[in-house]
Every structure is written in C-alpha cells, then in structure tokens.
Amino acid sequence: MGILENTPIIASLLAILLAQFAKIPIHYLLKGKVEWKLFTSTGGMPSSHSAAVTALATAVGFETGFDSPTFAVATMFSVIVMFDATGVRFQAGQQALIINQMRLDFQTFVNEAKGWSQKNSNEKIKELKTLLGHKPSEVFAGALTGIFLSIVIYAFLK
C-alpha cells in the first residue's frame, strides 16, 4: 500500500485541514472579523488535534475492524492526545497568559524606573504564545469533525 493509498493517513490529514479551515468562518461568526492566520495557529474551535486523531482511529476501525487490537491502540492514542489538549496544553496556555501579564507589569516598572519609554515595546519583551491548548468543547467539536470526515470518506469514496 502506497502512502497515497493509505486512507487513515489521508483522513487524518484532511481532518487537520478541515478543522484548521473551519476556524476561520467560526471566528468570523463569533467576532465579525476574518483572521486568515488562524489556519496555521494552534488552539481554537475546532481542535485539529482531536480531528486528526479521531479521523485516524475511525479510519483504522473501518480498515481493521472496530474489534481489532489496532483500533484499540488508535483509540487510546486519540484519548491521550485529546486529554493532553484539554489538560496540560490548556494549562500551559493559561500559565503563558499570567507570565505575559507579569512581564508587562515588570516592563511598566522598568519603564517608570529607568526611563525606557523611548523604546518600542517589541524591542523589550516578546510575549509567550497563549493559544497552546483547547477547551473541552473545542476538543469535542474536533473529535466529531474527525469521526464525521472518516465516515464520509468510507461511505462515499471507498
């Protein structure tokens, strides 16, 4: 089987692309602003991580049977990735928010204490990325996206 004939990989990659693209119209509906950079960003609705791993697990289930050990491995892999997306990675994002605020507070103190006001703030401190993880609803939406995509692929294209 060639890589281009490996449906689970194709389903996973398509799920990532679909989830990443879906972030743009969802953001527009919620905020009224088109943000093309969301296509390459982490975090947000829906979770492309969840979409990828659930598309993979679902496709593996179709390929090997939903009672196969391979499907069990893919499913547990999916659960771990989604748990990580809502737990560790989300908390890392929350910590980044707090650290960024502390850095801004420190920058304000330094500016007032030493007269750094003539420098651009970008020259002083670089912010940490805060969109590292996902809310449970984002993971759930991503999971549904991946499962749905694999079902469509196997129902209509296989």
C-alpha atoms as a PDB file:
ATOM      1  CA  MET A   1       0.000   0.000   0.000  1.00  0.00           C
ATOM      2  CA  GLY A   2       1.496   3.322  -1.052  1.00  0.00           C
ATOM      3  CA  ILE A   3       1.290   6.343   1.208  1.00  0.00           C
ATOM      4  CA  LEU A   4      -1.237   7.978  -1.130  1.00  0.00           C
ATOM      5  CA  GLU A   5      -3.418   4.874  -0.820  1.00  0.00           C
ATOM      6  CA  ASN A   6      -3.293   4.863   2.990  1.00  0.00           C
ATOM      7  CA  THR A   7      -6.792   6.058   3.814  1.00  0.00           C
ATOM      8  CA  PRO A   8      -6.225   6.528   7.563  1.00  0.00           C
ATOM      9  CA  ILE A   9      -3.348   8.935   6.883  1.00  0.00           C
ATOM     10  CA  ILE A  10      -5.308  10.764   4.191  1.00  0.00           C
ATOM     11  CA  ALA A  11      -8.345  11.012   6.502  1.00  0.00           C
ATOM     12  CA  SER A  12      -6.178  12.397   9.322  1.00  0.00           C
ATOM     13  CA  LEU A  13      -4.508  14.991   7.117  1.00  0.00           C
ATOM     14  CA  LEU A  14      -7.827  16.059   5.610  1.00  0.00           C
ATOM     15  CA  ALA A  15      -9.309  16.329   9.105  1.00  0.00           C
ATOM     16  CA  ILE A  16      -6.479  18.674  10.136  1.00  0.00           C
ATOM     17  CA  LEU A  17      -7.039  20.844   7.061  1.00  0.00           C
ATOM     18  CA  LEU A  18     -10.818  20.870   7.538  1.00  0.00           C
ATOM     19  CA  ALA A  19     -10.581  21.748  11.241  1.00  0.00           C
ATOM     20  CA  GLN A  20      -7.966  24.455  10.641  1.00  0.00           C
ATOM     21  CA  PHE A  21     -10.016  25.995   7.820  1.00  0.00           C
ATOM     22  CA  ALA A  22     -13.237  25.796   9.885  1.00  0.00           C
ATOM     23  CA  LYS A  23     -11.631  28.066  12.498  1.00  0.00           C
ATOM     24  CA  ILE A  24     -11.785  30.999  10.076  1.00  0.00           C
ATOM     25  CA  PRO A  25     -15.576  31.137   9.476  1.00  0.00           C
ATOM     26  CA  ILE A  26     -16.295  30.208  13.104  1.00  0.00           C
ATOM     27  CA  HIS A  27     -14.124  33.119  14.281  1.00  0.00           C
ATOM     28  CA  TYR A  28     -15.853  35.385  11.765  1.00  0.00           C
ATOM     29  CA  LEU A  29     -19.297  34.379  13.067  1.00  0.00           C
ATOM     30  CA  LEU A  30     -18.236  34.985  16.675  1.00  0.00           C
ATOM     31  CA  LYS A  31     -16.053  38.092  16.269  1.00  0.00           C
ATOM     32  CA  GLY A  32     -17.094  39.580  12.915  1.00  0.00           C
ATOM     33  CA  LYS A  33     -13.502  39.569  11.681  1.00  0.00           C
ATOM     34  CA  VAL A  34     -11.707  37.318   9.180  1.00  0.00           C
ATOM     35  CA  GLU A  35      -8.402  36.052  10.608  1.00  0.00           C
ATOM     36  CA  TRP A  36      -6.530  34.023   7.980  1.00  0.00           C
ATOM     37  CA  LYS A  37      -3.664  33.369  10.407  1.00  0.00           C
ATOM     38  CA  LEU A  38      -5.993  31.003  12.300  1.00  0.00           C
ATOM     39  CA  PHE A  39      -5.380  28.462   9.525  1.00  0.00           C
ATOM     40  CA  THR A  40      -1.849  27.931  10.834  1.00  0.00           C
ATOM     41  CA  SER A  41      -2.405  28.630  14.533  1.00  0.00           C
ATOM     42  CA  THR A  42      -2.799  26.283  17.476  1.00  0.00           C
ATOM     43  CA  GLY A  43      -5.818  26.311  19.736  1.00  0.00           C
ATOM     44  CA  GLY A  44      -9.305  27.425  18.816  1.00  0.00           C
ATOM     45  CA  MET A  45     -12.533  25.816  17.653  1.00  0.00           C
ATOM     46  CA  PRO A  46     -12.476  23.056  16.481  1.00  0.00           C
ATOM     47  CA  SER A  47      -9.387  21.237  17.679  1.00  0.00           C
ATOM     48  CA  SER A  48      -7.402  19.976  14.689  1.00  0.00           C
ATOM     49  CA  HIS A  49      -5.507  17.640  17.027  1.00  0.00           C
ATOM     50  CA  SER A  50      -8.765  15.964  18.022  1.00  0.00           C
ATOM     51  CA  ALA A  51      -9.990  15.920  14.443  1.00  0.00           C
ATOM     52  CA  ALA A  52      -6.789  14.222  13.262  1.00  0.00           C
ATOM     53  CA  VAL A  53      -6.638  11.505  15.893  1.00  0.00           C
ATOM     54  CA  THR A  54     -10.341  10.666  15.766  1.00  0.00           C
ATOM     55  CA  ALA A  55     -10.252  10.548  11.959  1.00  0.00           C
ATOM     56  CA  LEU A  56      -7.267   8.223  12.276  1.00  0.00           C
ATOM     57  CA  ALA A  57      -8.953   5.964  14.830  1.00  0.00           C
ATOM     58  CA  THR A  58     -12.205   5.836  12.886  1.00  0.00           C
ATOM     59  CA  ALA A  59     -10.405   5.051   9.627  1.00  0.00           C
ATOM     60  CA  VAL A  60      -8.339   2.362  11.360  1.00  0.00           C
ATOM     61  CA  GLY A  61     -11.611   0.917  12.662  1.00  0.00           C
ATOM     62  CA  PHE A  62     -13.000   0.779   9.139  1.00  0.00           C
ATOM     63  CA  GLU A  63      -9.777  -0.785   7.823  1.00  0.00           C
ATOM     64  CA  THR A  64      -9.096  -3.373  10.537  1.00  0.00           C
ATOM     65  CA  GLY A  65     -12.451  -3.731  12.274  1.00  0.00           C
ATOM     66  CA  PHE A  66     -13.750  -1.961  15.323  1.00  0.00           C
ATOM     67  CA  ASP A  67     -12.936  -5.008  17.425  1.00  0.00           C
ATOM     68  CA  SER A  68      -9.268  -5.180  16.375  1.00  0.00           C
ATOM     69  CA  PRO A  69      -6.297  -4.514  18.656  1.00  0.00           C
ATOM     70  CA  THR A  70      -5.086  -1.925  16.113  1.00  0.00           C
ATOM     71  CA  PHE A  71      -8.311   0.044  16.526  1.00  0.00           C
ATOM     72  CA  ALA A  72      -7.889  -0.174  20.314  1.00  0.00           C
ATOM     73  CA  VAL A  73      -4.377   1.289  20.052  1.00  0.00           C
ATOM     74  CA  ALA A  74      -5.565   4.100  17.764  1.00  0.00           C
ATOM     75  CA  THR A  75      -8.481   4.854  20.088  1.00  0.00           C
ATOM     76  CA  MET A  76      -6.304   5.022  23.200  1.00  0.00           C
ATOM     77  CA  PHE A  77      -3.843   7.225  21.307  1.00  0.00           C
ATOM     78  CA  SER A  78      -6.763   9.527  20.474  1.00  0.00           C
ATOM     79  CA  VAL A  79      -7.946   9.675  24.080  1.00  0.00           C
ATOM     80  CA  ILE A  80      -4.446  10.544  25.324  1.00  0.00           C
ATOM     81  CA  VAL A  81      -3.988  13.289  22.710  1.00  0.00           C
ATOM     82  CA  MET A  82      -7.407  14.803  23.477  1.00  0.00           C
ATOM     83  CA  PHE A  83      -6.812  14.613  27.227  1.00  0.00           C
ATOM     84  CA  ASP A  84      -3.472  16.341  26.743  1.00  0.00           C
ATOM     85  CA  ALA A  85      -5.091  19.013  24.545  1.00  0.00           C
ATOM     86  CA  THR A  86      -7.586  19.907  27.276  1.00  0.00           C
ATOM     87  CA  GLY A  87      -5.296  19.381  30.240  1.00  0.00           C
ATOM     88  CA  VAL A  88      -1.579  20.009  30.040  1.00  0.00           C
ATOM     89  CA  ARG A  89      -1.587  22.160  26.891  1.00  0.00           C
ATOM     90  CA  PHE A  90      -4.574  24.240  28.060  1.00  0.00           C
ATOM     91  CA  GLN A  91      -2.917  24.872  31.431  1.00  0.00           C
ATOM     92  CA  ALA A  92       0.326  25.820  29.686  1.00  0.00           C
ATOM     93  CA  GLY A  93      -1.649  28.432  27.767  1.00  0.00           C
ATOM     94  CA  GLN A  94      -3.165  29.759  30.989  1.00  0.00           C
ATOM     95  CA  GLN A  95       0.301  29.997  32.534  1.00  0.00           C
ATOM     96  CA  ALA A  96       1.516  31.880  29.463  1.00  0.00           C
ATOM     97  CA  LEU A  97      -1.277  34.434  29.981  1.00  0.00           C
ATOM     98  CA  ILE A  98      -0.194  35.025  33.566  1.00  0.00           C
ATOM     99  CA  ILE A  99       3.510  35.163  32.682  1.00  0.00           C
ATOM    100  CA  ASN A 100       2.777  37.658  29.895  1.00  0.00           C
ATOM    101  CA  GLN A 101       0.900  39.852  32.374  1.00  0.00           C
ATOM    102  CA  MET A 102       3.789  39.623  34.841  1.00  0.00           C
ATOM    103  CA  ARG A 103       6.214  40.599  32.084  1.00  0.00           C
ATOM    104  CA  LEU A 104       4.067  43.594  31.157  1.00  0.00           C
ATOM    105  CA  ASP A 105       3.887  44.634  34.798  1.00  0.00           C
ATOM    106  CA  PHE A 106       7.648  44.305  35.112  1.00  0.00           C
ATOM    107  CA  GLN A 107       8.140  46.249  31.870  1.00  0.00           C
ATOM    108  CA  THR A 108       5.961  49.053  33.230  1.00  0.00           C
ATOM    109  CA  PHE A 109       8.021  49.130  36.405  1.00  0.00           C
ATOM    110  CA  VAL A 110      11.303  49.242  34.455  1.00  0.00           C
ATOM    111  CA  ASN A 111       9.968  51.952  32.119  1.00  0.00           C
ATOM    112  CA  GLU A 112       8.999  54.134  35.017  1.00  0.00           C
ATOM    113  CA  ALA A 113      12.166  53.405  36.977  1.00  0.00           C
ATOM    114  CA  LYS A 114      14.759  53.828  34.243  1.00  0.00           C
ATOM    115  CA  GLY A 115      13.066  55.885  31.562  1.00  0.00           C
ATOM    116  CA  TRP A 116      12.772  53.206  28.858  1.00  0.00           C
ATOM    117  CA  SER A 117       9.716  54.918  27.415  1.00  0.00           C
ATOM    118  CA  GLN A 118      11.534  55.851  24.189  1.00  0.00           C
ATOM    119  CA  LYS A 119      11.943  52.154  23.217  1.00  0.00           C
ATOM    120  CA  ASN A 120       9.324  50.211  21.286  1.00  0.00           C
ATOM    121  CA  SER A 121       7.651  47.553  23.450  1.00  0.00           C
ATOM    122  CA  ASN A 122       8.507  44.924  20.815  1.00  0.00           C
ATOM    123  CA  GLU A 123      12.174  45.658  21.423  1.00  0.00           C
ATOM    124  CA  LYS A 124      11.814  44.941  25.110  1.00  0.00           C
ATOM    125  CA  ILE A 125       9.784  41.820  25.676  1.00  0.00           C
ATOM    126  CA  LYS A 126       8.437  39.078  23.441  1.00  0.00           C
ATOM    127  CA  GLU A 127       5.165  37.533  24.559  1.00  0.00           C
ATOM    128  CA  LEU A 128       4.681  33.801  25.008  1.00  0.00           C
ATOM    129  CA  LYS A 129       2.111  32.037  22.857  1.00  0.00           C
ATOM    130  CA  THR A 130      -1.094  31.597  24.846  1.00  0.00           C
ATOM    131  CA  LEU A 131      -3.161  29.520  22.400  1.00  0.00           C
ATOM    132  CA  LEU A 132      -1.499  26.226  23.186  1.00  0.00           C
ATOM    133  CA  GLY A 133      -4.434  24.085  24.224  1.00  0.00           C
ATOM    134  CA  HIS A 134      -8.140  23.611  23.867  1.00  0.00           C
ATOM    135  CA  LYS A 135     -11.317  23.920  25.867  1.00  0.00           C
ATOM    136  CA  PRO A 136     -13.264  20.650  26.188  1.00  0.00           C
ATOM    137  CA  SER A 137     -15.880  21.939  23.722  1.00  0.00           C
ATOM    138  CA  GLU A 138     -13.148  22.571  21.126  1.00  0.00           C
ATOM    139  CA  VAL A 139     -11.788  19.043  21.598  1.00  0.00           C
ATOM    140  CA  PHE A 140     -15.298  17.575  21.326  1.00  0.00           C
ATOM    141  CA  ALA A 141     -16.008  19.534  18.127  1.00  0.00           C
ATOM    142  CA  GLY A 142     -12.674  18.409  16.698  1.00  0.00           C
ATOM    143  CA  ALA A 143     -13.426  14.798  17.582  1.00  0.00           C
ATOM    144  CA  LEU A 144     -16.796  14.986  15.839  1.00  0.00           C
ATOM    145  CA  THR A 145     -15.116  16.586  12.811  1.00  0.00           C
ATOM    146  CA  GLY A 146     -12.622  13.730  12.524  1.00  0.00           C
ATOM    147  CA  ILE A 147     -15.167  10.973  13.015  1.00  0.00           C
ATOM    148  CA  PHE A 148     -17.556  12.586  10.528  1.00  0.00           C
ATOM    149  CA  LEU A 149     -14.836  13.009   7.904  1.00  0.00           C
ATOM    150  CA  SER A 150     -13.728   9.366   8.135  1.00  0.00           C
ATOM    151  CA  ILE A 151     -17.326   8.166   7.902  1.00  0.00           C
ATOM    152  CA  VAL A 152     -17.862  10.302   4.790  1.00  0.00           C
ATOM    153  CA  ILE A 153     -14.652   9.008   3.205  1.00  0.00           C
ATOM    154  CA  TYR A 154     -15.541   5.364   3.814  1.00  0.00           C
ATOM    155  CA  ALA A 155     -19.227   5.780   2.911  1.00  0.00           C
ATOM    156  CA  PHE A 156     -18.700   7.603  -0.371  1.00  0.00           C
ATOM    157  CA  LEU A 157     -15.128   7.146  -1.539  1.00  0.00           C
ATOM    158  CA  LYS A 158     -14.136   3.607  -0.575  1.00  0.00           C
END
